[in-house]
Amino acid sequence: MKKTALVIMAAGIGSRFGKGIKQLAPVGPGGEIIMEYSIYDALEAGFNKVVFIIRKDIEEEFHRIIGKKIAKITEVEYVFQELDDLPKGFSLPAGRTKPWGTGQAVLAAKKVLSEPFAVINADDYYGKEAYVKVHDYLVKEQEEDGKLHICMAGFRLGNTLSDNGAVTRGICRIEEGHLTGVTETHNIYKVPSGAQARLEDGTCQDLDTKSLVSMNMWGLTPDFMETLEKGFVEFLKDKEKDELKKEYLLPTLIDALLKRQKASVEVLETKDTWFGVTYQEDKETVIQAFADLIQRGVYPADLYSGS
């Protein structure tokens, strides 16, 4: 069986969540967290390694709550996303406290990845279908045409909204099943008519709830890491953006690669409903959602009963 890894971005501070670390909020009947269901689905789909991207200050709690359990059922690696983990010649800007974004997070895993891998957010539930489709893409041979071959799980916007506030989504432009661009769209609210983005100038833009969006579930290869590393250097050299707030984001890099015809991105549509803990108020909704999935037999009450 071809080796494939699941890379989980779990270094987010979770400022909107309030007190506590949102990635470690219990949502299952035995105190399980969303990541445990993600890993369950990934292993079932054929992934056989897990890489956790975390912060050093949550390492001890992370091991206690989830790490020790996962190490018993699959190969596990840990890497750290750190503010001062920058390429040679760059230093941390004075006053910078914000993480550098998903691009830097995934780059932290470069040293432990030699196989194709999927990237996910720790606090998002993606459903089973997406893992199967991404895994199947990663294990098949791709055309050697000088481009990076990437896949992305595409979710319908209407299945990814929160009842409790705004979300950010990468809205996709697609032609013949392939991504042609991603527009990172902020302040998307669920409204009676569907979805609406509230823009910085105070105006509102209606959005099609059937549009496919990126939920940061990508299928990538080790070759992508070289491009990611070079891109981070270019990002840091760009002095036009706020040094204290700018972020190196996967969708932004991939969008730039598409514009330069350096990548081919296959969009794998999934009709599963996403849910996650963006706000403290989301937690009860997520707990009920998992209770319903267990009641329907989608998951066992004890995820580890067969291990």
C-alpha atoms as a PDB file:
ATOM      1  CA  MET A   1       0.000   0.000   0.000  1.00  0.00           C
ATOM      2  CA  LYS A   2       1.335   3.433  -0.978  1.00  0.00           C
ATOM      3  CA  LYS A   3       2.145   5.560   2.040  1.00  0.00           C
ATOM      4  CA  THR A   4       0.063   8.689   2.520  1.00  0.00           C
ATOM      5  CA  ALA A   5      -0.008  11.155   5.393  1.00  0.00           C
ATOM      6  CA  LEU A   6      -2.676  13.289   6.993  1.00  0.00           C
ATOM      7  CA  VAL A   7      -1.273  16.679   8.050  1.00  0.00           C
ATOM      8  CA  ILE A   8      -3.384  18.438  10.680  1.00  0.00           C
ATOM      9  CA  MET A   9      -2.961  22.166  11.261  1.00  0.00           C
ATOM     10  CA  ALA A  10      -3.595  22.559  14.990  1.00  0.00           C
ATOM     11  CA  ALA A  11      -1.473  25.578  15.883  1.00  0.00           C
ATOM     12  CA  GLY A  12      -4.230  28.197  15.673  1.00  0.00           C
ATOM     13  CA  ILE A  13      -4.647  30.438  18.692  1.00  0.00           C
ATOM     14  CA  GLY A  14      -8.452  30.344  18.497  1.00  0.00           C
ATOM     15  CA  SER A  15      -9.025  33.922  19.686  1.00  0.00           C
ATOM     16  CA  ARG A  16     -12.699  33.903  18.654  1.00  0.00           C
ATOM     17  CA  PHE A  17     -13.323  30.788  20.727  1.00  0.00           C
ATOM     18  CA  GLY A  18     -12.800  32.551  24.046  1.00  0.00           C
ATOM     19  CA  LYS A  19     -11.081  30.715  26.892  1.00  0.00           C
ATOM     20  CA  GLY A  20      -9.516  27.342  26.205  1.00  0.00           C
ATOM     21  CA  ILE A  21      -8.059  25.817  23.066  1.00  0.00           C
ATOM     22  CA  LYS A  22     -10.819  25.276  20.522  1.00  0.00           C
ATOM     23  CA  GLN A  23      -9.050  22.397  18.745  1.00  0.00           C
ATOM     24  CA  LEU A  24      -9.165  20.437  22.023  1.00  0.00           C
ATOM     25  CA  ALA A  25     -12.821  21.079  22.876  1.00  0.00           C
ATOM     26  CA  PRO A  26     -14.591  17.735  23.578  1.00  0.00           C
ATOM     27  CA  VAL A  27     -17.532  17.032  21.236  1.00  0.00           C
ATOM     28  CA  GLY A  28     -17.985  13.224  21.364  1.00  0.00           C
ATOM     29  CA  PRO A  29     -19.715  11.080  23.999  1.00  0.00           C
ATOM     30  CA  GLY A  30     -16.399   9.982  25.492  1.00  0.00           C
ATOM     31  CA  GLY A  31     -14.787  13.410  25.320  1.00  0.00           C
ATOM     32  CA  GLU A  32     -13.532  12.914  21.759  1.00  0.00           C
ATOM     33  CA  ILE A  33     -12.444  16.002  19.838  1.00  0.00           C
ATOM     34  CA  ILE A  34     -13.097  16.759  16.155  1.00  0.00           C
ATOM     35  CA  MET A  35      -9.568  15.693  15.174  1.00  0.00           C
ATOM     36  CA  GLU A  36     -10.221  12.176  16.411  1.00  0.00           C
ATOM     37  CA  TYR A  37     -13.124  11.781  13.996  1.00  0.00           C
ATOM     38  CA  SER A  38     -11.010  13.244  11.186  1.00  0.00           C
ATOM     39  CA  ILE A  39      -8.233  10.751  11.884  1.00  0.00           C
ATOM     40  CA  TYR A  40     -10.747   7.900  12.096  1.00  0.00           C
ATOM     41  CA  ASP A  41     -12.098   8.821   8.655  1.00  0.00           C
ATOM     42  CA  ALA A  42      -8.625   9.270   7.177  1.00  0.00           C
ATOM     43  CA  LEU A  43      -7.338   5.906   8.390  1.00  0.00           C
ATOM     44  CA  GLU A  44     -10.511   4.251   7.118  1.00  0.00           C
ATOM     45  CA  ALA A  45      -9.887   5.857   3.702  1.00  0.00           C
ATOM     46  CA  GLY A  46      -6.325   4.460   3.572  1.00  0.00           C
ATOM     47  CA  PHE A  47      -4.053   7.121   5.090  1.00  0.00           C
ATOM     48  CA  ASN A  48      -1.387   5.548   7.303  1.00  0.00           C
ATOM     49  CA  LYS A  49       0.489   8.410   8.977  1.00  0.00           C
ATOM     50  CA  VAL A  50      -0.549  11.505  10.911  1.00  0.00           C
ATOM     51  CA  VAL A  51       1.483  14.710  11.247  1.00  0.00           C
ATOM     52  CA  PHE A  52       0.345  17.196  13.897  1.00  0.00           C
ATOM     53  CA  ILE A  53       1.343  20.848  13.465  1.00  0.00           C
ATOM     54  CA  ILE A  54       1.039  22.425  16.903  1.00  0.00           C
ATOM     55  CA  ARG A  55       2.536  25.127  19.113  1.00  0.00           C
ATOM     56  CA  LYS A  56       5.040  24.250  21.795  1.00  0.00           C
ATOM     57  CA  ASP A  57       2.886  25.819  24.499  1.00  0.00           C
ATOM     58  CA  ILE A  58       0.055  23.306  23.906  1.00  0.00           C
ATOM     59  CA  GLU A  59       2.317  20.270  23.445  1.00  0.00           C
ATOM     60  CA  GLU A  60       1.778  18.754  26.901  1.00  0.00           C
ATOM     61  CA  GLU A  61      -2.017  19.128  26.822  1.00  0.00           C
ATOM     62  CA  PHE A  62      -2.124  17.925  23.222  1.00  0.00           C
ATOM     63  CA  HIS A  63      -0.281  14.710  24.067  1.00  0.00           C
ATOM     64  CA  ARG A  64      -2.561  14.092  27.033  1.00  0.00           C
ATOM     65  CA  ILE A  65      -5.854  14.671  25.228  1.00  0.00           C
ATOM     66  CA  ILE A  66      -5.181  13.067  21.840  1.00  0.00           C
ATOM     67  CA  GLY A  67      -1.557  12.314  21.005  1.00  0.00           C
ATOM     68  CA  LYS A  68      -1.088   9.237  23.154  1.00  0.00           C
ATOM     69  CA  LYS A  69      -4.256   7.627  21.785  1.00  0.00           C
ATOM     70  CA  ILE A  70      -3.393   8.210  18.132  1.00  0.00           C
ATOM     71  CA  ALA A  71       0.162   6.912  18.571  1.00  0.00           C
ATOM     72  CA  LYS A  72      -1.371   3.515  19.430  1.00  0.00           C
ATOM     73  CA  ILE A  73      -3.170   3.187  16.086  1.00  0.00           C
ATOM     74  CA  THR A  74      -0.893   4.792  13.470  1.00  0.00           C
ATOM     75  CA  GLU A  75       2.482   6.423  12.856  1.00  0.00           C
ATOM     76  CA  VAL A  76       2.599   9.940  14.309  1.00  0.00           C
ATOM     77  CA  GLU A  77       4.947  12.903  13.862  1.00  0.00           C
ATOM     78  CA  TYR A  78       4.938  16.299  15.578  1.00  0.00           C
ATOM     79  CA  VAL A  79       6.188  19.607  14.210  1.00  0.00           C
ATOM     80  CA  PHE A  80       5.881  23.125  15.590  1.00  0.00           C
ATOM     81  CA  GLN A  81       4.715  26.323  13.948  1.00  0.00           C
ATOM     82  CA  GLU A  82       6.759  29.066  15.551  1.00  0.00           C
ATOM     83  CA  LEU A  83       6.726  32.807  14.908  1.00  0.00           C
ATOM     84  CA  ASP A  84      10.503  32.993  14.638  1.00  0.00           C
ATOM     85  CA  ASP A  85      10.880  29.938  12.365  1.00  0.00           C
ATOM     86  CA  LEU A  86      11.912  32.010   9.350  1.00  0.00           C
ATOM     87  CA  PRO A  87      14.258  31.451   6.392  1.00  0.00           C
ATOM     88  CA  LYS A  88      17.885  32.478   6.664  1.00  0.00           C
ATOM     89  CA  GLY A  89      18.300  36.232   6.409  1.00  0.00           C
ATOM     90  CA  PHE A  90      14.916  37.102   7.928  1.00  0.00           C
ATOM     91  CA  SER A  91      14.073  38.051  11.495  1.00  0.00           C
ATOM     92  CA  LEU A  92      10.836  38.443  13.411  1.00  0.00           C
ATOM     93  CA  PRO A  93       9.442  41.981  13.042  1.00  0.00           C
ATOM     94  CA  ALA A  94       9.240  43.806  16.375  1.00  0.00           C
ATOM     95  CA  GLY A  95       5.712  43.575  17.737  1.00  0.00           C
ATOM     96  CA  ARG A  96       4.636  40.624  15.545  1.00  0.00           C
ATOM     97  CA  THR A  97       2.466  38.217  17.588  1.00  0.00           C
ATOM     98  CA  LYS A  98       0.197  36.799  14.857  1.00  0.00           C
ATOM     99  CA  PRO A  99       1.103  33.403  13.316  1.00  0.00           C
ATOM    100  CA  TRP A 100       2.355  33.553   9.723  1.00  0.00           C
ATOM    101  CA  GLY A 101      -0.546  31.556   8.274  1.00  0.00           C
ATOM    102  CA  THR A 102      -1.312  28.157   6.801  1.00  0.00           C
ATOM    103  CA  GLY A 103       1.570  28.274   4.330  1.00  0.00           C
ATOM    104  CA  GLN A 104       4.150  28.564   7.085  1.00  0.00           C
ATOM    105  CA  ALA A 105       2.297  25.933   9.133  1.00  0.00           C
ATOM    106  CA  VAL A 106       2.523  23.301   6.394  1.00  0.00           C
ATOM    107  CA  LEU A 107       6.121  24.257   5.636  1.00  0.00           C
ATOM    108  CA  ALA A 108       7.000  23.310   9.226  1.00  0.00           C
ATOM    109  CA  ALA A 109       6.183  19.688   8.289  1.00  0.00           C
ATOM    110  CA  LYS A 110       8.665  19.561   5.390  1.00  0.00           C
ATOM    111  CA  LYS A 111      11.278  17.616   7.323  1.00  0.00           C
ATOM    112  CA  VAL A 112       8.896  14.749   8.221  1.00  0.00           C
ATOM    113  CA  LEU A 113       7.145  14.304   4.853  1.00  0.00           C
ATOM    114  CA  SER A 114       8.428  12.161   1.993  1.00  0.00           C
ATOM    115  CA  GLU A 115       5.022  10.868   0.847  1.00  0.00           C
ATOM    116  CA  PRO A 116       1.882  12.434  -0.682  1.00  0.00           C
ATOM    117  CA  PHE A 117      -0.243  14.079   1.978  1.00  0.00           C
ATOM    118  CA  ALA A 118      -3.572  15.706   2.718  1.00  0.00           C
ATOM    119  CA  VAL A 119      -3.781  18.920   4.714  1.00  0.00           C
ATOM    120  CA  ILE A 120      -6.737  19.739   6.971  1.00  0.00           C
ATOM    121  CA  ASN A 121      -7.726  22.186   9.691  1.00  0.00           C
ATOM    122  CA  ALA A 122      -7.880  20.696  13.180  1.00  0.00           C
ATOM    123  CA  ASP A 123     -11.228  22.230  14.079  1.00  0.00           C
ATOM    124  CA  ASP A 124     -13.123  21.310  10.894  1.00  0.00           C
ATOM    125  CA  TYR A 125     -15.232  18.198  10.329  1.00  0.00           C
ATOM    126  CA  TYR A 126     -15.117  17.279   6.640  1.00  0.00           C
ATOM    127  CA  GLY A 127     -17.147  14.058   6.425  1.00  0.00           C
ATOM    128  CA  LYS A 128     -16.015  10.694   5.074  1.00  0.00           C
ATOM    129  CA  GLU A 129     -16.383  11.263   1.338  1.00  0.00           C
ATOM    130  CA  ALA A 130     -13.652  13.882   1.107  1.00  0.00           C
ATOM    131  CA  TYR A 131     -10.969  11.626   2.641  1.00  0.00           C
ATOM    132  CA  VAL A 132     -11.744   8.799   0.233  1.00  0.00           C
ATOM    133  CA  LYS A 133     -11.616  11.089  -2.808  1.00  0.00           C
ATOM    134  CA  VAL A 134      -8.416  12.851  -1.754  1.00  0.00           C
ATOM    135  CA  HIS A 135      -6.674   9.586  -0.863  1.00  0.00           C
ATOM    136  CA  ASP A 136      -7.631   8.016  -4.207  1.00  0.00           C
ATOM    137  CA  TYR A 137      -6.203  11.047  -5.996  1.00  0.00           C
ATOM    138  CA  LEU A 138      -2.918  10.924  -4.051  1.00  0.00           C
ATOM    139  CA  VAL A 139      -2.186   7.260  -4.775  1.00  0.00           C
ATOM    140  CA  LYS A 140      -2.753   7.424  -8.540  1.00  0.00           C
ATOM    141  CA  GLU A 141      -0.040   8.338 -11.024  1.00  0.00           C
ATOM    142  CA  GLN A 142      -0.149  11.880 -12.380  1.00  0.00           C
ATOM    143  CA  GLU A 143       0.869  13.180 -15.776  1.00  0.00           C
ATOM    144  CA  GLU A 144       4.465  14.433 -15.976  1.00  0.00           C
ATOM    145  CA  ASP A 145       3.878  17.814 -17.563  1.00  0.00           C
ATOM    146  CA  GLY A 146       6.091  20.100 -15.490  1.00  0.00           C
ATOM    147  CA  LYS A 147       3.200  21.217 -13.283  1.00  0.00           C
ATOM    148  CA  LEU A 148       2.490  20.544  -9.625  1.00  0.00           C
ATOM    149  CA  HIS A 149      -0.487  18.207  -9.412  1.00  0.00           C
ATOM    150  CA  ILE A 150      -2.762  19.134  -6.523  1.00  0.00           C
ATOM    151  CA  CYS A 151      -6.279  18.227  -5.501  1.00  0.00           C
ATOM    152  CA  MET A 152      -8.758  20.089  -3.354  1.00  0.00           C
ATOM    153  CA  ALA A 153     -11.919  18.922  -1.636  1.00  0.00           C
ATOM    154  CA  GLY A 154     -14.656  21.323  -2.686  1.00  0.00           C
ATOM    155  CA  PHE A 155     -17.558  21.928  -0.338  1.00  0.00           C
ATOM    156  CA  ARG A 156     -20.784  23.726  -1.152  1.00  0.00           C
ATOM    157  CA  LEU A 157     -20.752  27.116   0.545  1.00  0.00           C
ATOM    158  CA  GLY A 158     -24.201  26.565   2.061  1.00  0.00           C
ATOM    159  CA  ASN A 159     -22.873  23.487   3.899  1.00  0.00           C
ATOM    160  CA  THR A 160     -20.036  25.432   5.542  1.00  0.00           C
ATOM    161  CA  LEU A 161     -21.688  28.382   7.288  1.00  0.00           C
ATOM    162  CA  SER A 162     -21.947  29.074  11.019  1.00  0.00           C
ATOM    163  CA  ASP A 163     -25.183  30.081  12.731  1.00  0.00           C
ATOM    164  CA  ASN A 164     -23.174  32.153  15.193  1.00  0.00           C
ATOM    165  CA  GLY A 165     -21.150  34.628  13.156  1.00  0.00           C
ATOM    166  CA  ALA A 166     -18.952  35.330  10.161  1.00  0.00           C
ATOM    167  CA  VAL A 167     -16.614  32.855   8.476  1.00  0.00           C
ATOM    168  CA  THR A 168     -13.851  33.148   5.884  1.00  0.00           C
ATOM    169  CA  ARG A 169     -13.995  30.894   2.829  1.00  0.00           C
ATOM    170  CA  GLY A 170     -11.920  30.465  -0.313  1.00  0.00           C
ATOM    171  CA  ILE A 171     -14.549  30.740  -3.068  1.00  0.00           C
ATOM    172  CA  CYS A 172     -13.480  28.727  -6.100  1.00  0.00           C
ATOM    173  CA  ARG A 173     -13.589  29.370  -9.816  1.00  0.00           C
ATOM    174  CA  ILE A 174     -13.784  26.049 -11.658  1.00  0.00           C
ATOM    175  CA  GLU A 175     -13.637  24.939 -15.280  1.00  0.00           C
ATOM    176  CA  GLU A 176     -14.087  21.308 -16.359  1.00  0.00           C
ATOM    177  CA  GLY A 177     -13.451  20.030 -12.862  1.00  0.00           C
ATOM    178  CA  HIS A 178     -10.247  21.998 -12.367  1.00  0.00           C
ATOM    179  CA  LEU A 179      -9.615  25.031 -10.238  1.00  0.00           C
ATOM    180  CA  THR A 180      -8.856  28.248 -12.106  1.00  0.00           C
ATOM    181  CA  GLY A 181      -8.698  30.528  -9.066  1.00  0.00           C
ATOM    182  CA  VAL A 182      -9.525  31.006  -5.386  1.00  0.00           C
ATOM    183  CA  THR A 183     -10.880  34.214  -3.897  1.00  0.00           C
ATOM    184  CA  GLU A 184     -10.339  34.402  -0.136  1.00  0.00           C
ATOM    185  CA  THR A 185     -13.600  35.971   1.045  1.00  0.00           C
ATOM    186  CA  HIS A 186     -13.995  37.308   4.587  1.00  0.00           C
ATOM    187  CA  ASN A 187     -17.029  38.152   6.730  1.00  0.00           C
ATOM    188  CA  ILE A 188     -19.447  35.665   5.160  1.00  0.00           C
ATOM    189  CA  TYR A 189     -22.701  35.478   7.107  1.00  0.00           C
ATOM    190  CA  LYS A 190     -25.614  33.069   6.956  1.00  0.00           C
ATOM    191  CA  VAL A 191     -28.720  35.095   6.054  1.00  0.00           C
ATOM    192  CA  PRO A 192     -32.358  34.165   5.301  1.00  0.00           C
ATOM    193  CA  SER A 193     -31.677  34.388   1.558  1.00  0.00           C
ATOM    194  CA  GLY A 194     -28.572  32.169   1.796  1.00  0.00           C
ATOM    195  CA  ALA A 195     -25.147  33.750   2.242  1.00  0.00           C
ATOM    196  CA  GLN A 196     -23.768  37.258   2.182  1.00  0.00           C
ATOM    197  CA  ALA A 197     -20.294  38.777   2.377  1.00  0.00           C
ATOM    198  CA  ARG A 198     -20.058  42.069   4.225  1.00  0.00           C
ATOM    199  CA  LEU A 199     -17.326  44.104   2.568  1.00  0.00           C
ATOM    200  CA  GLU A 200     -14.929  46.622   4.118  1.00  0.00           C
ATOM    201  CA  ASP A 201     -16.679  49.538   2.435  1.00  0.00           C
ATOM    202  CA  GLY A 202     -19.907  48.672   4.250  1.00  0.00           C
ATOM    203  CA  THR A 203     -21.687  47.111   1.271  1.00  0.00           C
ATOM    204  CA  CYS A 204     -22.955  43.530   1.084  1.00  0.00           C
ATOM    205  CA  GLN A 205     -22.468  40.945  -1.646  1.00  0.00           C
ATOM    206  CA  ASP A 206     -24.919  38.063  -2.088  1.00  0.00           C
ATOM    207  CA  LEU A 207     -23.206  34.699  -2.598  1.00  0.00           C
ATOM    208  CA  ASP A 208     -24.427  31.509  -4.254  1.00  0.00           C
ATOM    209  CA  THR A 209     -24.737  28.831  -1.565  1.00  0.00           C
ATOM    210  CA  LYS A 210     -24.080  26.150  -4.213  1.00  0.00           C
ATOM    211  CA  SER A 211     -20.670  27.636  -5.029  1.00  0.00           C
ATOM    212  CA  LEU A 212     -17.770  25.371  -4.138  1.00  0.00           C
ATOM    213  CA  VAL A 213     -15.379  26.645  -1.503  1.00  0.00           C
ATOM    214  CA  SER A 214     -12.020  25.577  -0.174  1.00  0.00           C
ATOM    215  CA  MET A 215     -12.006  24.470   3.445  1.00  0.00           C
ATOM    216  CA  ASN A 216      -8.214  24.074   3.434  1.00  0.00           C
ATOM    217  CA  MET A 217      -8.418  20.368   2.593  1.00  0.00           C
ATOM    218  CA  TRP A 218      -5.714  19.906  -0.019  1.00  0.00           C
ATOM    219  CA  GLY A 219      -3.969  16.886  -1.503  1.00  0.00           C
ATOM    220  CA  LEU A 220      -0.281  17.692  -2.028  1.00  0.00           C
ATOM    221  CA  THR A 221       3.060  16.043  -2.783  1.00  0.00           C
ATOM    222  CA  PRO A 222       6.580  16.478  -1.353  1.00  0.00           C
ATOM    223  CA  ASP A 223       7.477  18.452  -4.519  1.00  0.00           C
ATOM    224  CA  PHE A 224       5.011  21.110  -3.425  1.00  0.00           C
ATOM    225  CA  MET A 225       7.149  21.790  -0.353  1.00  0.00           C
ATOM    226  CA  GLU A 226       9.981  23.208  -2.477  1.00  0.00           C
ATOM    227  CA  THR A 227       7.570  25.693  -4.054  1.00  0.00           C
ATOM    228  CA  LEU A 228       6.067  26.485  -0.651  1.00  0.00           C
ATOM    229  CA  GLU A 229       9.525  27.213   0.743  1.00  0.00           C
ATOM    230  CA  LYS A 230      10.489  29.517  -2.139  1.00  0.00           C
ATOM    231  CA  GLY A 231       7.114  31.227  -1.928  1.00  0.00           C
ATOM    232  CA  PHE A 232       7.623  32.001   1.764  1.00  0.00           C
ATOM    233  CA  VAL A 233      10.840  33.851   0.963  1.00  0.00           C
ATOM    234  CA  GLU A 234       9.060  35.944  -1.682  1.00  0.00           C
ATOM    235  CA  PHE A 235       6.215  36.610   0.743  1.00  0.00           C
ATOM    236  CA  LEU A 236       8.621  37.872   3.427  1.00  0.00           C
ATOM    237  CA  LYS A 237      10.426  40.091   0.906  1.00  0.00           C
ATOM    238  CA  ASP A 238       7.159  41.857   0.052  1.00  0.00           C
ATOM    239  CA  LYS A 239       7.178  44.977   2.196  1.00  0.00           C
ATOM    240  CA  GLU A 240       3.935  46.439   0.808  1.00  0.00           C
ATOM    241  CA  LYS A 241       1.767  44.541   3.301  1.00  0.00           C
ATOM    242  CA  ASP A 242       1.554  45.102   7.060  1.00  0.00           C
ATOM    243  CA  GLU A 243       4.523  43.299   8.610  1.00  0.00           C
ATOM    244  CA  LEU A 244       2.580  42.681  11.815  1.00  0.00           C
ATOM    245  CA  LYS A 245      -0.557  41.198  10.267  1.00  0.00           C
ATOM    246  CA  LYS A 246       0.156  39.711   6.833  1.00  0.00           C
ATOM    247  CA  GLU A 247      -0.334  35.951   6.419  1.00  0.00           C
ATOM    248  CA  TYR A 248       1.192  33.387   4.067  1.00  0.00           C
ATOM    249  CA  LEU A 249      -1.888  31.409   3.027  1.00  0.00           C
ATOM    250  CA  LEU A 250      -2.108  28.149   1.073  1.00  0.00           C
ATOM    251  CA  PRO A 251      -5.059  29.280  -1.108  1.00  0.00           C
ATOM    252  CA  THR A 252      -3.264  32.504  -2.033  1.00  0.00           C
ATOM    253  CA  LEU A 253      -0.100  30.647  -3.079  1.00  0.00           C
ATOM    254  CA  ILE A 254      -2.049  28.049  -5.055  1.00  0.00           C
ATOM    255  CA  ASP A 255      -4.039  30.805  -6.764  1.00  0.00           C
ATOM    256  CA  ALA A 256      -0.737  32.447  -7.792  1.00  0.00           C
ATOM    257  CA  LEU A 257       0.589  29.110  -9.133  1.00  0.00           C
ATOM    258  CA  LEU A 258      -2.555  28.700 -11.215  1.00  0.00           C
ATOM    259  CA  LYS A 259      -2.174  32.175 -12.705  1.00  0.00           C
ATOM    260  CA  ARG A 260       1.394  31.310 -13.716  1.00  0.00           C
ATOM    261  CA  GLN A 261       0.256  27.900 -15.047  1.00  0.00           C
ATOM    262  CA  LYS A 262       2.606  26.159 -12.621  1.00  0.00           C
ATOM    263  CA  ALA A 263      -0.052  23.924 -11.071  1.00  0.00           C
ATOM    264  CA  SER A 264      -3.050  21.821 -12.008  1.00  0.00           C
ATOM    265  CA  VAL A 265      -5.680  21.528  -9.263  1.00  0.00           C
ATOM    266  CA  GLU A 266      -8.433  18.943  -9.530  1.00  0.00           C
ATOM    267  CA  VAL A 267     -11.532  19.828  -7.519  1.00  0.00           C
ATOM    268  CA  LEU A 268     -13.145  16.846  -5.810  1.00  0.00           C
ATOM    269  CA  GLU A 269     -16.682  17.853  -4.920  1.00  0.00           C
ATOM    270  CA  THR A 270     -18.170  16.506  -1.725  1.00  0.00           C
ATOM    271  CA  LYS A 271     -21.770  16.977  -0.702  1.00  0.00           C
ATOM    272  CA  ASP A 272     -21.065  16.195   2.949  1.00  0.00           C
ATOM    273  CA  THR A 273     -21.983  18.908   5.427  1.00  0.00           C
ATOM    274  CA  TRP A 274     -19.014  20.605   7.064  1.00  0.00           C
ATOM    275  CA  PHE A 275     -19.171  21.689  10.659  1.00  0.00           C
ATOM    276  CA  GLY A 276     -16.663  23.096  13.084  1.00  0.00           C
ATOM    277  CA  VAL A 277     -16.090  25.135  16.200  1.00  0.00           C
ATOM    278  CA  THR A 278     -15.396  28.660  14.995  1.00  0.00           C
ATOM    279  CA  TYR A 279     -17.232  30.276  17.913  1.00  0.00           C
ATOM    280  CA  GLN A 280     -17.903  29.091  21.465  1.00  0.00           C
ATOM    281  CA  GLU A 281     -21.613  28.932  20.598  1.00  0.00           C
ATOM    282  CA  ASP A 282     -20.895  26.411  17.820  1.00  0.00           C
ATOM    283  CA  LYS A 283     -19.850  23.757  20.318  1.00  0.00           C
ATOM    284  CA  GLU A 284     -23.339  22.571  21.307  1.00  0.00           C
ATOM    285  CA  THR A 285     -24.342  22.292  17.633  1.00  0.00           C
ATOM    286  CA  VAL A 286     -21.283  20.154  16.920  1.00  0.00           C
ATOM    287  CA  ILE A 287     -21.893  17.918  19.954  1.00  0.00           C
ATOM    288  CA  GLN A 288     -25.444  17.284  18.726  1.00  0.00           C
ATOM    289  CA  ALA A 289     -24.215  16.620  15.179  1.00  0.00           C
ATOM    290  CA  PHE A 290     -21.830  13.909  16.368  1.00  0.00           C
ATOM    291  CA  ALA A 291     -24.525  12.411  18.588  1.00  0.00           C
ATOM    292  CA  ASP A 292     -26.752  12.152  15.506  1.00  0.00           C
ATOM    293  CA  LEU A 293     -23.966  10.550  13.434  1.00  0.00           C
ATOM    294  CA  ILE A 294     -23.361   7.971  16.167  1.00  0.00           C
ATOM    295  CA  GLN A 295     -27.092   7.293  16.451  1.00  0.00           C
ATOM    296  CA  ARG A 296     -27.186   6.636  12.677  1.00  0.00           C
ATOM    297  CA  GLY A 297     -24.232   4.241  12.907  1.00  0.00           C
ATOM    298  CA  VAL A 298     -21.785   6.449  10.995  1.00  0.00           C
ATOM    299  CA  TYR A 299     -19.378   6.211  13.944  1.00  0.00           C
ATOM    300  CA  PRO A 300     -19.122   3.780  16.863  1.00  0.00           C
ATOM    301  CA  ALA A 301     -19.743   5.245  20.302  1.00  0.00           C
ATOM    302  CA  ASP A 302     -16.162   4.219  21.128  1.00  0.00           C
ATOM    303  CA  LEU A 303     -13.821   5.204  18.288  1.00  0.00           C
ATOM    304  CA  TYR A 304     -11.069   2.963  19.636  1.00  0.00           C
ATOM    305  CA  SER A 305     -13.079  -0.185  20.297  1.00  0.00           C
ATOM    306  CA  GLY A 306     -11.426  -1.971  17.382  1.00  0.00           C
ATOM    307  CA  SER A 307      -7.864  -0.876  18.104  1.00  0.00           C
END
